Amino acid sequence: IAFVFSLGYSAGGVSHVAHAGGMAVGY
């Protein structure tokens, strides 16, 4: 979900890039 929405950078004031980035770096 975070990765798909991050392709548009942000939606509804939510930074999905931060969500996907945090998970990717954690992995």
All heavy atoms as atom14 arrays in JSON, in Angstrom:
{
  "sequence": "IAFVFSLGYSAGGVSHVAHAGGMAVGY",
  "atom14_mask": [
    [1, 1, 1, 1, 1, 1, 1, 1, 0, 0, 0, 0, 0, 0],
    [1, 1, 1, 1, 1, 0, 0, 0, 0, 0, 0, 0, 0, 0],
    [1, 1, 1, 1, 1, 1, 1, 1, 1, 1, 1, 0, 0, 0],
    [1, 1, 1, 1, 1, 1, 1, 0, 0, 0, 0, 0, 0, 0],
    [1, 1, 1, 1, 1, 1, 1, 1, 1, 1, 1, 0, 0, 0],
    [1, 1, 1, 1, 1, 1, 0, 0, 0, 0, 0, 0, 0, 0],
    [1, 1, 1, 1, 1, 1, 1, 1, 0, 0, 0, 0, 0, 0],
    [1, 1, 1, 1, 0, 0, 0, 0, 0, 0, 0, 0, 0, 0],
    [1, 1, 1, 1, 1, 1, 1, 1, 1, 1, 1, 1, 0, 0],
    [1, 1, 1, 1, 1, 1, 0, 0, 0, 0, 0, 0, 0, 0],
    [1, 1, 1, 1, 1, 0, 0, 0, 0, 0, 0, 0, 0, 0],
    [1, 1, 1, 1, 0, 0, 0, 0, 0, 0, 0, 0, 0, 0],
    [1, 1, 1, 1, 0, 0, 0, 0, 0, 0, 0, 0, 0, 0],
    [1, 1, 1, 1, 1, 1, 1, 0, 0, 0, 0, 0, 0, 0],
    [1, 1, 1, 1, 1, 1, 0, 0, 0, 0, 0, 0, 0, 0],
    [1, 1, 1, 1, 1, 1, 1, 1, 1, 1, 0, 0, 0, 0],
    [1, 1, 1, 1, 1, 1, 1, 0, 0, 0, 0, 0, 0, 0],
    [1, 1, 1, 1, 1, 0, 0, 0, 0, 0, 0, 0, 0, 0],
    [1, 1, 1, 1, 1, 1, 1, 1, 1, 1, 0, 0, 0, 0],
    [1, 1, 1, 1, 1, 0, 0, 0, 0, 0, 0, 0, 0, 0],
    [1, 1, 1, 1, 0, 0, 0, 0, 0, 0, 0, 0, 0, 0],
    [1, 1, 1, 1, 0, 0, 0, 0, 0, 0, 0, 0, 0, 0],
    [1, 1, 1, 1, 1, 1, 1, 1, 0, 0, 0, 0, 0, 0],
    [1, 1, 1, 1, 1, 0, 0, 0, 0, 0, 0, 0, 0, 0],
    [1, 1, 1, 1, 1, 1, 1, 0, 0, 0, 0, 0, 0, 0],
    [1, 1, 1, 1, 0, 0, 0, 0, 0, 0, 0, 0, 0, 0],
    [1, 1, 1, 1, 1, 1, 1, 1, 1, 1, 1, 1, 0, 0]
  ],
  "atom14_positions": [
    [[0.83, -1.21, 0.0], [0.0, 0.0, 0.0], [0.87, 1.26, 0.0], [0.64, 2.19, -0.77], [-0.94, 0.0, 1.22], [-1.96, -1.14, 1.11], [-1.65, 1.35, 1.36], [-2.81, -1.32, 2.34], [0.0, 0.0, 0.0], [0.0, 0.0, 0.0], [0.0, 0.0, 0.0], [0.0, 0.0, 0.0], [0.0, 0.0, 0.0], [0.0, 0.0, 0.0]],
    [[1.89, 1.26, 0.86], [2.76, 2.43, 0.94], [3.52, 2.65, -0.35], [3.66, 3.79, -0.82], [3.74, 2.25, 2.11], [0.0, 0.0, 0.0], [0.0, 0.0, 0.0], [0.0, 0.0, 0.0], [0.0, 0.0, 0.0], [0.0, 0.0, 0.0], [0.0, 0.0, 0.0], [0.0, 0.0, 0.0], [0.0, 0.0, 0.0], [0.0, 0.0, 0.0]],
    [[3.99, 1.56, -0.95], [4.77, 1.7, -2.19], [3.92, 2.22, -3.34], [4.33, 3.13, -4.07], [5.39, 0.35, -2.57], [6.17, 0.39, -3.85], [7.44, 0.95, -3.87], [5.63, -0.12, -5.02], [8.17, 1.0, -5.06], [6.35, -0.08, -6.21], [7.62, 0.49, -6.22], [0.0, 0.0, 0.0], [0.0, 0.0, 0.0], [0.0, 0.0, 0.0]],
    [[2.72, 1.67, -3.5], [1.85, 2.11, -4.59], [1.5, 3.58, -4.44], [1.59, 4.37, -5.4], [0.58, 1.24, -4.64], [-0.44, 1.84, -5.6], [0.92, -0.18, -5.06], [0.0, 0.0, 0.0], [0.0, 0.0, 0.0], [0.0, 0.0, 0.0], [0.0, 0.0, 0.0], [0.0, 0.0, 0.0], [0.0, 0.0, 0.0], [0.0, 0.0, 0.0]],
    [[1.12, 3.99, -3.23], [0.75, 5.39, -3.03], [1.97, 6.31, -3.07], [1.82, 7.5, -3.38], [0.02, 5.56, -1.7], [-1.43, 5.18, -1.76], [-1.86, 3.95, -1.3], [-2.37, 6.05, -2.29], [-3.2, 3.59, -1.37], [-3.71, 5.71, -2.36], [-4.12, 4.46, -1.9], [0.0, 0.0, 0.0], [0.0, 0.0, 0.0], [0.0, 0.0, 0.0]],
    [[3.15, 5.79, -2.75], [4.35, 6.64, -2.79], [4.72, 7.04, -4.2], [5.47, 8.0, -4.4], [5.53, 5.91, -2.14], [5.95, 4.81, -2.93], [0.0, 0.0, 0.0], [0.0, 0.0, 0.0], [0.0, 0.0, 0.0], [0.0, 0.0, 0.0], [0.0, 0.0, 0.0], [0.0, 0.0, 0.0], [0.0, 0.0, 0.0], [0.0, 0.0, 0.0]],
    [[4.22, 6.32, -5.2], [4.51, 6.68, -6.59], [3.94, 8.05, -6.93], [4.4, 8.71, -7.85], [3.94, 5.62, -7.54], [4.53, 4.21, -7.37], [3.87, 3.24, -8.34], [6.04, 4.24, -7.57], [0.0, 0.0, 0.0], [0.0, 0.0, 0.0], [0.0, 0.0, 0.0], [0.0, 0.0, 0.0], [0.0, 0.0, 0.0], [0.0, 0.0, 0.0]],
    [[2.93, 8.45, -6.14], [2.38, 9.8, -6.31], [2.9, 10.75, -5.26], [2.39, 11.84, -5.1], [0.0, 0.0, 0.0], [0.0, 0.0, 0.0], [0.0, 0.0, 0.0], [0.0, 0.0, 0.0], [0.0, 0.0, 0.0], [0.0, 0.0, 0.0], [0.0, 0.0, 0.0], [0.0, 0.0, 0.0], [0.0, 0.0, 0.0], [0.0, 0.0, 0.0]],
    [[3.91, 10.31, -4.5], [4.6, 11.03, -3.42], [3.74, 11.24, -2.2], [4.1, 10.89, -1.11], [5.15, 12.38, -3.9], [5.94, 13.08, -2.81], [7.16, 12.59, -2.4], [5.43, 14.21, -2.16], [7.87, 13.2, -1.37], [6.13, 14.82, -1.13], [7.36, 14.31, -0.75], [8.05, 14.91, 0.26], [0.0, 0.0, 0.0], [0.0, 0.0, 0.0]],
    [[2.57, 11.82, -2.3], [1.74, 12.04, -1.12], [0.28, 12.05, -1.54], [-0.07, 12.37, -2.65], [2.08, 13.37, -0.43], [1.77, 14.46, -1.26], [0.0, 0.0, 0.0], [0.0, 0.0, 0.0], [0.0, 0.0, 0.0], [0.0, 0.0, 0.0], [0.0, 0.0, 0.0], [0.0, 0.0, 0.0], [0.0, 0.0, 0.0], [0.0, 0.0, 0.0]],
    [[-0.56, 11.68, -0.57], [-2.0, 11.71, -0.82], [-2.7, 12.0, 0.49], [-2.46, 11.36, 1.49], [-2.46, 10.36, -1.39], [0.0, 0.0, 0.0], [0.0, 0.0, 0.0], [0.0, 0.0, 0.0], [0.0, 0.0, 0.0], [0.0, 0.0, 0.0], [0.0, 0.0, 0.0], [0.0, 0.0, 0.0], [0.0, 0.0, 0.0], [0.0, 0.0, 0.0]],
    [[-3.56, 13.01, 0.45], [-4.3, 13.37, 1.66], [-3.41, 13.83, 2.8], [-3.75, 13.66, 3.96], [0.0, 0.0, 0.0], [0.0, 0.0, 0.0], [0.0, 0.0, 0.0], [0.0, 0.0, 0.0], [0.0, 0.0, 0.0], [0.0, 0.0, 0.0], [0.0, 0.0, 0.0], [0.0, 0.0, 0.0], [0.0, 0.0, 0.0], [0.0, 0.0, 0.0]],
    [[-2.26, 14.42, 2.47], [-1.37, 14.89, 3.52], [-0.53, 13.8, 4.17], [0.14, 14.06, 5.16], [0.0, 0.0, 0.0], [0.0, 0.0, 0.0], [0.0, 0.0, 0.0], [0.0, 0.0, 0.0], [0.0, 0.0, 0.0], [0.0, 0.0, 0.0], [0.0, 0.0, 0.0], [0.0, 0.0, 0.0], [0.0, 0.0, 0.0], [0.0, 0.0, 0.0]],
    [[-0.55, 12.58, 3.64], [0.22, 11.47, 4.19], [1.45, 11.23, 3.33], [1.34, 11.1, 2.11], [-0.64, 10.18, 4.25], [0.17, 9.02, 4.78], [-1.87, 10.42, 5.12], [0.0, 0.0, 0.0], [0.0, 0.0, 0.0], [0.0, 0.0, 0.0], [0.0, 0.0, 0.0], [0.0, 0.0, 0.0], [0.0, 0.0, 0.0], [0.0, 0.0, 0.0]],
    [[2.61, 11.15, 3.95], [3.85, 10.89, 3.22], [4.05, 9.38, 3.11], [4.68, 8.76, 3.98], [5.04, 11.54, 3.92], [6.23, 11.25, 3.22], [0.0, 0.0, 0.0], [0.0, 0.0, 0.0], [0.0, 0.0, 0.0], [0.0, 0.0, 0.0], [0.0, 0.0, 0.0], [0.0, 0.0, 0.0], [0.0, 0.0, 0.0], [0.0, 0.0, 0.0]],
    [[3.54, 8.79, 2.06], [3.72, 7.36, 1.85], [5.17, 7.02, 1.52], [5.6, 5.88, 1.7], [2.79, 6.88, 0.74], [1.34, 7.04, 1.06], [0.67, 6.2, 1.92], [0.43, 7.97, 0.66], [-0.59, 6.58, 2.02], [-0.76, 7.65, 1.28], [0.0, 0.0, 0.0], [0.0, 0.0, 0.0], [0.0, 0.0, 0.0], [0.0, 0.0, 0.0]],
    [[5.92, 8.0, 1.03], [7.35, 7.78, 0.8], [8.04, 7.45, 2.12], [8.92, 6.58, 2.18], [7.98, 9.03, 0.15], [9.51, 8.9, 0.1], [7.44, 9.23, -1.25], [0.0, 0.0, 0.0], [0.0, 0.0, 0.0], [0.0, 0.0, 0.0], [0.0, 0.0, 0.0], [0.0, 0.0, 0.0], [0.0, 0.0, 0.0], [0.0, 0.0, 0.0]],
    [[7.65, 8.14, 3.19], [8.23, 7.85, 4.5], [7.9, 6.43, 4.95], [8.75, 5.73, 5.49], [7.72, 8.86, 5.53], [0.0, 0.0, 0.0], [0.0, 0.0, 0.0], [0.0, 0.0, 0.0], [0.0, 0.0, 0.0], [0.0, 0.0, 0.0], [0.0, 0.0, 0.0], [0.0, 0.0, 0.0], [0.0, 0.0, 0.0], [0.0, 0.0, 0.0]],
    [[6.67, 6.01, 4.73], [6.26, 4.66, 5.13], [7.04, 3.6, 4.38], [7.63, 2.69, 4.98], [4.76, 4.48, 4.87], [3.91, 5.43, 5.62], [2.54, 5.57, 5.38], [4.19, 6.3, 6.63], [2.04, 6.49, 6.2], [3.02, 6.95, 6.96], [0.0, 0.0, 0.0], [0.0, 0.0, 0.0], [0.0, 0.0, 0.0], [0.0, 0.0, 0.0]],
    [[7.06, 3.7, 3.04], [7.77, 2.72, 2.23], [9.27, 2.79, 2.5], [9.95, 1.75, 2.57], [7.48, 2.95, 0.75], [0.0, 0.0, 0.0], [0.0, 0.0, 0.0], [0.0, 0.0, 0.0], [0.0, 0.0, 0.0], [0.0, 0.0, 0.0], [0.0, 0.0, 0.0], [0.0, 0.0, 0.0], [0.0, 0.0, 0.0], [0.0, 0.0, 0.0]],
    [[9.8, 4.0, 2.66], [11.22, 4.15, 2.92], [11.64, 3.55, 4.25], [12.68, 2.89, 4.35], [0.0, 0.0, 0.0], [0.0, 0.0, 0.0], [0.0, 0.0, 0.0], [0.0, 0.0, 0.0], [0.0, 0.0, 0.0], [0.0, 0.0, 0.0], [0.0, 0.0, 0.0], [0.0, 0.0, 0.0], [0.0, 0.0, 0.0], [0.0, 0.0, 0.0]],
    [[10.83, 3.76, 5.29], [11.15, 3.19, 6.59], [11.17, 1.67, 6.56], [12.03, 1.03, 7.17], [0.0, 0.0, 0.0], [0.0, 0.0, 0.0], [0.0, 0.0, 0.0], [0.0, 0.0, 0.0], [0.0, 0.0, 0.0], [0.0, 0.0, 0.0], [0.0, 0.0, 0.0], [0.0, 0.0, 0.0], [0.0, 0.0, 0.0], [0.0, 0.0, 0.0]],
    [[10.23, 1.07, 5.82], [10.19, -0.39, 5.72], [11.35, -0.92, 4.9], [11.96, -1.95, 5.24], [8.85, -0.83, 5.12], [7.64, -0.45, 5.96], [6.08, -1.13, 5.33], [6.1, -2.75, 6.11], [0.0, 0.0, 0.0], [0.0, 0.0, 0.0], [0.0, 0.0, 0.0], [0.0, 0.0, 0.0], [0.0, 0.0, 0.0], [0.0, 0.0, 0.0]],
    [[11.68, -0.24, 3.8], [12.78, -0.7, 2.95], [14.11, -0.63, 3.68], [14.91, -1.56, 3.65], [12.83, 0.14, 1.67], [0.0, 0.0, 0.0], [0.0, 0.0, 0.0], [0.0, 0.0, 0.0], [0.0, 0.0, 0.0], [0.0, 0.0, 0.0], [0.0, 0.0, 0.0], [0.0, 0.0, 0.0], [0.0, 0.0, 0.0], [0.0, 0.0, 0.0]],
    [[14.34, 0.49, 4.37], [15.59, 0.64, 5.12], [15.64, -0.38, 6.27], [16.69, -0.96, 6.55], [15.72, 2.08, 5.66], [16.88, 2.2, 6.63], [15.9, 3.05, 4.5], [0.0, 0.0, 0.0], [0.0, 0.0, 0.0], [0.0, 0.0, 0.0], [0.0, 0.0, 0.0], [0.0, 0.0, 0.0], [0.0, 0.0, 0.0], [0.0, 0.0, 0.0]],
    [[14.51, -0.61, 6.93], [14.47, -1.6, 7.99], [14.81, -2.99, 7.49], [15.54, -3.74, 8.15], [0.0, 0.0, 0.0], [0.0, 0.0, 0.0], [0.0, 0.0, 0.0], [0.0, 0.0, 0.0], [0.0, 0.0, 0.0], [0.0, 0.0, 0.0], [0.0, 0.0, 0.0], [0.0, 0.0, 0.0], [0.0, 0.0, 0.0], [0.0, 0.0, 0.0]],
    [[14.32, -3.35, 6.31], [14.62, -4.66, 5.75], [16.1, -4.79, 5.44], [16.74, -5.81, 5.74], [13.79, -4.89, 4.48], [14.03, -6.23, 3.85], [13.41, -7.38, 4.35], [14.87, -6.37, 2.75], [13.63, -8.61, 3.78], [15.1, -7.6, 2.18], [14.47, -8.72, 2.69], [14.71, -9.95, 2.12], [0.0, 0.0, 0.0], [0.0, 0.0, 0.0]]
  ]
}
